[in-house]
Amino acid sequence: MSKELGIAPTDGRRKGETRTAPVTGRKYVNKTGLWCLVIDRDHADVANVVNRLLDKLKPREGTLRGLHGVEDAYFDVFIAGLTDTEGEANCQFALDGAQLATLAQFGPPIRFTVTMGTE
């Protein structure tokens, strides 16, 4: 993945690798692998974060299609926010056509994961 994308991950794990849970200290074996690139921004506009991601990657048509050993590839845009004192929150974001077209060049679907909490 790193060679195909032209960048090293900020986090990753291999399928079948034995790891230790940080809280419990219990050993477990990864059932899946993970290649993760985190673009961390507080109070960021999602479109700007996607632009930062695209600036780091080297897209080529279908880069992530048919990679050896990859069963399920997708871009996951993870958004976390805080609720107000009444437990309510809104999350808005927009991507333009150029951003979507560039992401589409890689091949996998784009998934948006939004979570809101009190802390």
N, C-alpha and C. Protein backbone atom coordinates (compact mmCIF):
# COMPACT_ATOMS: atom_id res chain seq x y z
N MET A 1 0.82 -1.19 0.00
CA MET A 1 0.00 0.00 0.00
C MET A 1 0.86 1.26 0.00
N SER A 2 1.87 1.29 0.84
CA SER A 2 2.72 2.48 0.92
C SER A 2 3.37 2.79 -0.41
N LYS A 3 3.84 1.76 -1.10
CA LYS A 3 4.48 1.95 -2.40
C LYS A 3 3.47 2.46 -3.42
N GLU A 4 2.28 1.88 -3.43
CA GLU A 4 1.24 2.28 -4.37
C GLU A 4 0.77 3.71 -4.15
N LEU A 5 0.69 4.13 -2.89
CA LEU A 5 0.18 5.46 -2.56
C LEU A 5 1.27 6.50 -2.44
N GLY A 6 2.51 6.08 -2.34
CA GLY A 6 3.62 7.03 -2.25
C GLY A 6 3.79 7.66 -0.88
N ILE A 7 3.28 7.00 0.18
CA ILE A 7 3.39 7.55 1.53
C ILE A 7 3.28 6.41 2.55
N ALA A 8 3.95 6.56 3.68
CA ALA A 8 3.87 5.56 4.75
C ALA A 8 2.63 5.83 5.61
N PRO A 9 2.04 4.79 6.20
CA PRO A 9 0.86 4.99 7.05
C PRO A 9 1.23 5.62 8.39
N THR A 10 0.26 6.27 9.03
CA THR A 10 0.46 6.76 10.39
C THR A 10 0.16 5.66 11.39
N ASP A 11 -0.58 4.63 10.95
CA ASP A 11 -0.90 3.48 11.79
C ASP A 11 -1.17 2.30 10.87
N GLY A 12 -0.92 1.12 11.36
CA GLY A 12 -1.20 -0.05 10.56
C GLY A 12 -0.98 -1.32 11.35
N ARG A 13 -1.56 -2.39 10.83
CA ARG A 13 -1.35 -3.71 11.43
C ARG A 13 -1.58 -4.75 10.35
N ARG A 14 -0.94 -5.89 10.54
CA ARG A 14 -1.05 -6.98 9.58
C ARG A 14 -2.01 -8.05 10.08
N LYS A 15 -2.74 -8.63 9.13
CA LYS A 15 -3.62 -9.75 9.44
C LYS A 15 -2.76 -10.89 10.00
N GLY A 16 -3.23 -11.50 11.09
CA GLY A 16 -2.51 -12.61 11.72
C GLY A 16 -1.47 -12.19 12.73
N GLU A 17 -1.19 -10.90 12.84
CA GLU A 17 -0.21 -10.38 13.79
C GLU A 17 -0.77 -10.46 15.21
N THR A 18 0.05 -10.86 16.17
CA THR A 18 -0.35 -10.90 17.57
C THR A 18 -0.07 -9.54 18.20
N ARG A 19 -1.07 -9.01 18.90
CA ARG A 19 -0.94 -7.71 19.54
C ARG A 19 -1.39 -7.81 20.99
N THR A 20 -1.09 -6.78 21.76
CA THR A 20 -1.50 -6.71 23.15
C THR A 20 -2.44 -5.54 23.33
N ALA A 21 -3.61 -5.79 23.91
CA ALA A 21 -4.59 -4.73 24.17
C ALA A 21 -4.00 -3.76 25.19
N PRO A 22 -4.05 -2.44 24.90
CA PRO A 22 -3.41 -1.46 25.78
C PRO A 22 -3.99 -1.39 27.19
N VAL A 23 -5.28 -1.57 27.35
CA VAL A 23 -5.90 -1.42 28.67
C VAL A 23 -5.82 -2.71 29.47
N THR A 24 -6.18 -3.84 28.84
CA THR A 24 -6.26 -5.11 29.58
C THR A 24 -4.96 -5.90 29.57
N GLY A 25 -4.10 -5.63 28.59
CA GLY A 25 -2.87 -6.41 28.47
C GLY A 25 -3.08 -7.78 27.85
N ARG A 26 -4.31 -8.05 27.44
CA ARG A 26 -4.66 -9.33 26.83
C ARG A 26 -4.10 -9.44 25.42
N LYS A 27 -3.59 -10.61 25.07
CA LYS A 27 -3.06 -10.86 23.73
C LYS A 27 -4.19 -11.27 22.80
N TYR A 28 -4.10 -10.83 21.54
CA TYR A 28 -5.08 -11.22 20.53
C TYR A 28 -4.41 -11.22 19.16
N VAL A 29 -5.05 -11.87 18.21
CA VAL A 29 -4.54 -11.95 16.84
C VAL A 29 -5.45 -11.12 15.94
N ASN A 30 -4.85 -10.23 15.14
CA ASN A 30 -5.63 -9.40 14.22
C ASN A 30 -6.34 -10.28 13.19
N LYS A 31 -7.64 -10.09 13.06
CA LYS A 31 -8.41 -10.83 12.05
C LYS A 31 -8.32 -10.16 10.69
N THR A 32 -7.99 -8.88 10.68
CA THR A 32 -7.83 -8.14 9.42
C THR A 32 -6.60 -7.26 9.52
N GLY A 33 -6.16 -6.80 8.39
CA GLY A 33 -5.06 -5.83 8.35
C GLY A 33 -5.63 -4.42 8.27
N LEU A 34 -4.77 -3.44 8.48
CA LEU A 34 -5.19 -2.05 8.45
C LEU A 34 -4.03 -1.20 7.95
N TRP A 35 -4.30 -0.33 7.01
CA TRP A 35 -3.36 0.70 6.56
C TRP A 35 -4.07 2.01 6.77
N CYS A 36 -3.55 2.87 7.63
CA CYS A 36 -4.28 4.07 8.05
C CYS A 36 -3.40 5.31 7.92
N LEU A 37 -3.96 6.35 7.33
CA LEU A 37 -3.29 7.65 7.25
C LEU A 37 -4.20 8.66 7.93
N VAL A 38 -3.74 9.20 9.04
CA VAL A 38 -4.55 10.14 9.82
C VAL A 38 -4.13 11.56 9.47
N ILE A 39 -5.11 12.36 9.10
CA ILE A 39 -4.92 13.80 8.91
C ILE A 39 -5.72 14.42 10.04
N ASP A 40 -5.04 14.85 11.09
CA ASP A 40 -5.71 15.30 12.31
C ASP A 40 -5.82 16.82 12.31
N ARG A 41 -7.03 17.31 12.48
CA ARG A 41 -7.26 18.74 12.56
C ARG A 41 -8.38 19.00 13.56
N ASP A 42 -8.17 19.92 14.46
CA ASP A 42 -9.24 20.34 15.36
C ASP A 42 -10.08 21.39 14.65
N HIS A 43 -11.38 21.26 14.75
CA HIS A 43 -12.33 22.22 14.19
C HIS A 43 -12.07 22.50 12.71
N ALA A 44 -11.70 21.48 11.99
CA ALA A 44 -11.33 21.65 10.58
C ALA A 44 -12.53 21.51 9.66
N ASP A 45 -12.45 22.18 8.56
CA ASP A 45 -13.40 22.01 7.47
C ASP A 45 -13.03 20.70 6.77
N VAL A 46 -13.97 19.78 6.64
CA VAL A 46 -13.69 18.46 6.06
C VAL A 46 -13.08 18.59 4.67
N ALA A 47 -13.56 19.52 3.87
CA ALA A 47 -13.01 19.71 2.53
C ALA A 47 -11.53 20.05 2.58
N ASN A 48 -11.11 20.86 3.56
CA ASN A 48 -9.69 21.20 3.70
C ASN A 48 -8.87 19.99 4.12
N VAL A 49 -9.43 19.15 4.99
CA VAL A 49 -8.73 17.94 5.41
C VAL A 49 -8.56 16.99 4.23
N VAL A 50 -9.61 16.84 3.41
CA VAL A 50 -9.52 16.00 2.22
C VAL A 50 -8.47 16.55 1.26
N ASN A 51 -8.41 17.88 1.10
CA ASN A 51 -7.36 18.47 0.26
C ASN A 51 -5.97 18.14 0.79
N ARG A 52 -5.78 18.18 2.11
CA ARG A 52 -4.49 17.83 2.71
C ARG A 52 -4.16 16.37 2.43
N LEU A 53 -5.16 15.50 2.51
CA LEU A 53 -4.96 14.09 2.21
C LEU A 53 -4.55 13.91 0.75
N LEU A 54 -5.27 14.54 -0.16
CA LEU A 54 -4.98 14.39 -1.58
C LEU A 54 -3.61 14.97 -1.94
N ASP A 55 -3.18 16.02 -1.22
CA ASP A 55 -1.84 16.58 -1.45
C ASP A 55 -0.75 15.58 -1.10
N LYS A 56 -1.03 14.69 -0.14
CA LYS A 56 -0.03 13.71 0.31
C LYS A 56 0.01 12.46 -0.57
N LEU A 57 -1.11 12.12 -1.21
CA LEU A 57 -1.20 10.89 -1.98
C LEU A 57 -0.86 11.12 -3.44
N LYS A 58 -0.46 10.06 -4.09
CA LYS A 58 -0.11 10.10 -5.51
C LYS A 58 -1.13 9.26 -6.28
N PRO A 59 -2.27 9.84 -6.67
CA PRO A 59 -3.30 9.02 -7.31
C PRO A 59 -2.92 8.55 -8.70
N ARG A 60 -3.23 7.28 -8.95
CA ARG A 60 -3.13 6.70 -10.29
C ARG A 60 -4.42 5.93 -10.49
N GLU A 61 -4.91 5.90 -11.68
CA GLU A 61 -6.19 5.24 -11.97
C GLU A 61 -6.22 3.83 -11.39
N GLY A 62 -7.19 3.56 -10.53
CA GLY A 62 -7.38 2.23 -9.98
C GLY A 62 -6.29 1.75 -9.04
N THR A 63 -5.55 2.67 -8.43
CA THR A 63 -4.43 2.32 -7.56
C THR A 63 -4.77 1.25 -6.54
N LEU A 64 -5.95 1.32 -5.95
CA LEU A 64 -6.30 0.41 -4.86
C LEU A 64 -7.17 -0.75 -5.31
N ARG A 65 -7.40 -0.89 -6.59
CA ARG A 65 -8.17 -2.04 -7.09
C ARG A 65 -7.22 -3.19 -7.34
N GLY A 66 -7.57 -4.35 -6.87
CA GLY A 66 -6.82 -5.56 -7.19
C GLY A 66 -5.46 -5.68 -6.53
N LEU A 67 -5.22 -4.99 -5.42
CA LEU A 67 -3.95 -5.16 -4.71
C LEU A 67 -3.90 -6.56 -4.10
N HIS A 68 -2.76 -7.20 -4.20
CA HIS A 68 -2.59 -8.54 -3.65
C HIS A 68 -2.89 -8.54 -2.15
N GLY A 69 -3.77 -9.44 -1.73
CA GLY A 69 -4.08 -9.60 -0.31
C GLY A 69 -5.09 -8.61 0.24
N VAL A 70 -5.58 -7.69 -0.58
CA VAL A 70 -6.56 -6.71 -0.09
C VAL A 70 -7.96 -7.18 -0.45
N GLU A 71 -8.77 -7.41 0.57
CA GLU A 71 -10.13 -7.89 0.36
C GLU A 71 -11.15 -6.76 0.38
N ASP A 72 -10.94 -5.75 1.18
CA ASP A 72 -11.92 -4.68 1.34
C ASP A 72 -11.19 -3.36 1.53
N ALA A 73 -11.14 -2.53 0.50
CA ALA A 73 -10.48 -1.24 0.59
C ALA A 73 -11.52 -0.14 0.47
N TYR A 74 -11.37 0.92 1.26
CA TYR A 74 -12.25 2.07 1.19
C TYR A 74 -11.56 3.25 1.84
N PHE A 75 -11.96 4.45 1.44
CA PHE A 75 -11.54 5.65 2.14
C PHE A 75 -12.56 5.90 3.22
N ASP A 76 -12.12 6.06 4.46
CA ASP A 76 -13.01 6.35 5.57
C ASP A 76 -12.67 7.75 6.06
N VAL A 77 -13.59 8.69 5.86
CA VAL A 77 -13.44 10.03 6.40
C VAL A 77 -14.14 10.01 7.75
N PHE A 78 -13.35 10.01 8.83
CA PHE A 78 -13.89 9.91 10.19
C PHE A 78 -13.99 11.31 10.78
N ILE A 79 -15.18 11.66 11.24
CA ILE A 79 -15.43 12.99 11.80
C ILE A 79 -15.94 12.81 13.22
N ALA A 80 -15.28 13.45 14.17
CA ALA A 80 -15.70 13.38 15.57
C ALA A 80 -15.99 14.78 16.06
N GLY A 81 -17.07 14.92 16.81
CA GLY A 81 -17.43 16.23 17.34
C GLY A 81 -18.08 16.10 18.70
N LEU A 82 -18.33 17.25 19.29
CA LEU A 82 -18.93 17.29 20.62
C LEU A 82 -20.37 17.79 20.54
N THR A 83 -21.20 17.27 21.42
CA THR A 83 -22.58 17.74 21.51
C THR A 83 -22.64 18.96 22.42
N ASP A 84 -23.77 19.67 22.36
CA ASP A 84 -23.96 20.77 23.28
C ASP A 84 -24.43 20.22 24.64
N THR A 85 -24.75 21.10 25.56
CA THR A 85 -25.14 20.66 26.91
C THR A 85 -26.43 19.86 26.92
N GLU A 86 -27.23 19.98 25.86
CA GLU A 86 -28.48 19.22 25.78
C GLU A 86 -28.32 17.93 24.97
N GLY A 87 -27.08 17.59 24.61
CA GLY A 87 -26.82 16.36 23.89
C GLY A 87 -27.11 16.43 22.40
N GLU A 88 -27.22 17.63 21.85
CA GLU A 88 -27.50 17.79 20.43
C GLU A 88 -26.27 18.30 19.69
N ALA A 89 -26.21 17.97 18.40
CA ALA A 89 -25.08 18.42 17.60
C ALA A 89 -25.45 18.37 16.12
N ASN A 90 -24.79 19.17 15.34
CA ASN A 90 -24.92 19.16 13.89
C ASN A 90 -23.55 18.97 13.28
N CYS A 91 -23.51 18.29 12.17
CA CYS A 91 -22.26 18.11 11.44
C CYS A 91 -22.55 18.31 9.97
N GLN A 92 -21.87 19.27 9.37
CA GLN A 92 -22.04 19.52 7.95
C GLN A 92 -20.69 19.48 7.27
N PHE A 93 -20.67 18.98 6.06
CA PHE A 93 -19.45 19.01 5.27
C PHE A 93 -19.82 18.94 3.80
N ALA A 94 -18.92 19.39 2.97
CA ALA A 94 -19.15 19.35 1.53
C ALA A 94 -17.83 19.05 0.83
N LEU A 95 -17.90 18.24 -0.20
CA LEU A 95 -16.76 17.99 -1.07
C LEU A 95 -17.16 18.42 -2.47
N ASP A 96 -16.22 19.03 -3.19
CA ASP A 96 -16.56 19.47 -4.53
C ASP A 96 -16.28 18.36 -5.55
N GLY A 97 -16.71 18.59 -6.77
CA GLY A 97 -16.57 17.59 -7.83
C GLY A 97 -15.12 17.19 -8.08
N ALA A 98 -14.20 18.15 -8.00
CA ALA A 98 -12.78 17.84 -8.24
C ALA A 98 -12.24 16.90 -7.17
N GLN A 99 -12.62 17.14 -5.92
CA GLN A 99 -12.18 16.26 -4.84
C GLN A 99 -12.73 14.85 -5.03
N LEU A 100 -14.01 14.75 -5.33
CA LEU A 100 -14.64 13.45 -5.53
C LEU A 100 -14.02 12.72 -6.73
N ALA A 101 -13.74 13.45 -7.80
CA ALA A 101 -13.14 12.84 -8.99
C ALA A 101 -11.74 12.31 -8.67
N THR A 102 -10.97 13.06 -7.91
CA THR A 102 -9.61 12.62 -7.54
C THR A 102 -9.67 11.39 -6.65
N LEU A 103 -10.56 11.40 -5.64
CA LEU A 103 -10.72 10.23 -4.78
C LEU A 103 -11.17 9.02 -5.60
N ALA A 104 -12.05 9.23 -6.56
CA ALA A 104 -12.56 8.14 -7.39
C ALA A 104 -11.45 7.47 -8.21
N GLN A 105 -10.39 8.20 -8.52
CA GLN A 105 -9.28 7.62 -9.29
C GLN A 105 -8.64 6.43 -8.59
N PHE A 106 -8.68 6.42 -7.25
CA PHE A 106 -8.08 5.33 -6.50
C PHE A 106 -8.88 4.04 -6.61
N GLY A 107 -10.19 4.15 -6.80
CA GLY A 107 -11.00 2.96 -7.00
C GLY A 107 -11.98 2.61 -5.91
N PRO A 108 -11.60 2.61 -4.61
CA PRO A 108 -12.56 2.13 -3.60
C PRO A 108 -13.62 3.17 -3.27
N PRO A 109 -14.69 2.72 -2.62
CA PRO A 109 -15.74 3.66 -2.19
C PRO A 109 -15.24 4.58 -1.08
N ILE A 110 -15.98 5.65 -0.88
CA ILE A 110 -15.68 6.61 0.18
C ILE A 110 -16.74 6.43 1.27
N ARG A 111 -16.28 6.21 2.49
CA ARG A 111 -17.19 6.03 3.63
C ARG A 111 -17.01 7.19 4.58
N PHE A 112 -18.10 7.75 5.07
CA PHE A 112 -18.05 8.82 6.05
C PHE A 112 -18.54 8.27 7.37
N THR A 113 -17.71 8.34 8.40
CA THR A 113 -18.07 7.90 9.74
C THR A 113 -18.13 9.15 10.62
N VAL A 114 -19.30 9.42 11.18
CA VAL A 114 -19.49 10.61 12.01
C VAL A 114 -19.90 10.15 13.40
N THR A 115 -19.20 10.64 14.41
CA THR A 115 -19.55 10.32 15.78
C THR A 115 -19.58 11.61 16.60
N MET A 116 -20.57 11.72 17.44
CA MET A 116 -20.69 12.90 18.30
C MET A 116 -20.83 12.42 19.73
N GLY A 117 -20.15 13.08 20.64
CA GLY A 117 -20.19 12.67 22.04
C GLY A 117 -20.02 13.86 22.96
N THR A 118 -20.09 13.57 24.25
CA THR A 118 -19.98 14.63 25.24
C THR A 118 -18.53 14.91 25.62
N GLU A 119 -17.64 13.99 25.34
CA GLU A 119 -16.21 14.20 25.65
C GLU A 119 -15.34 13.57 24.63
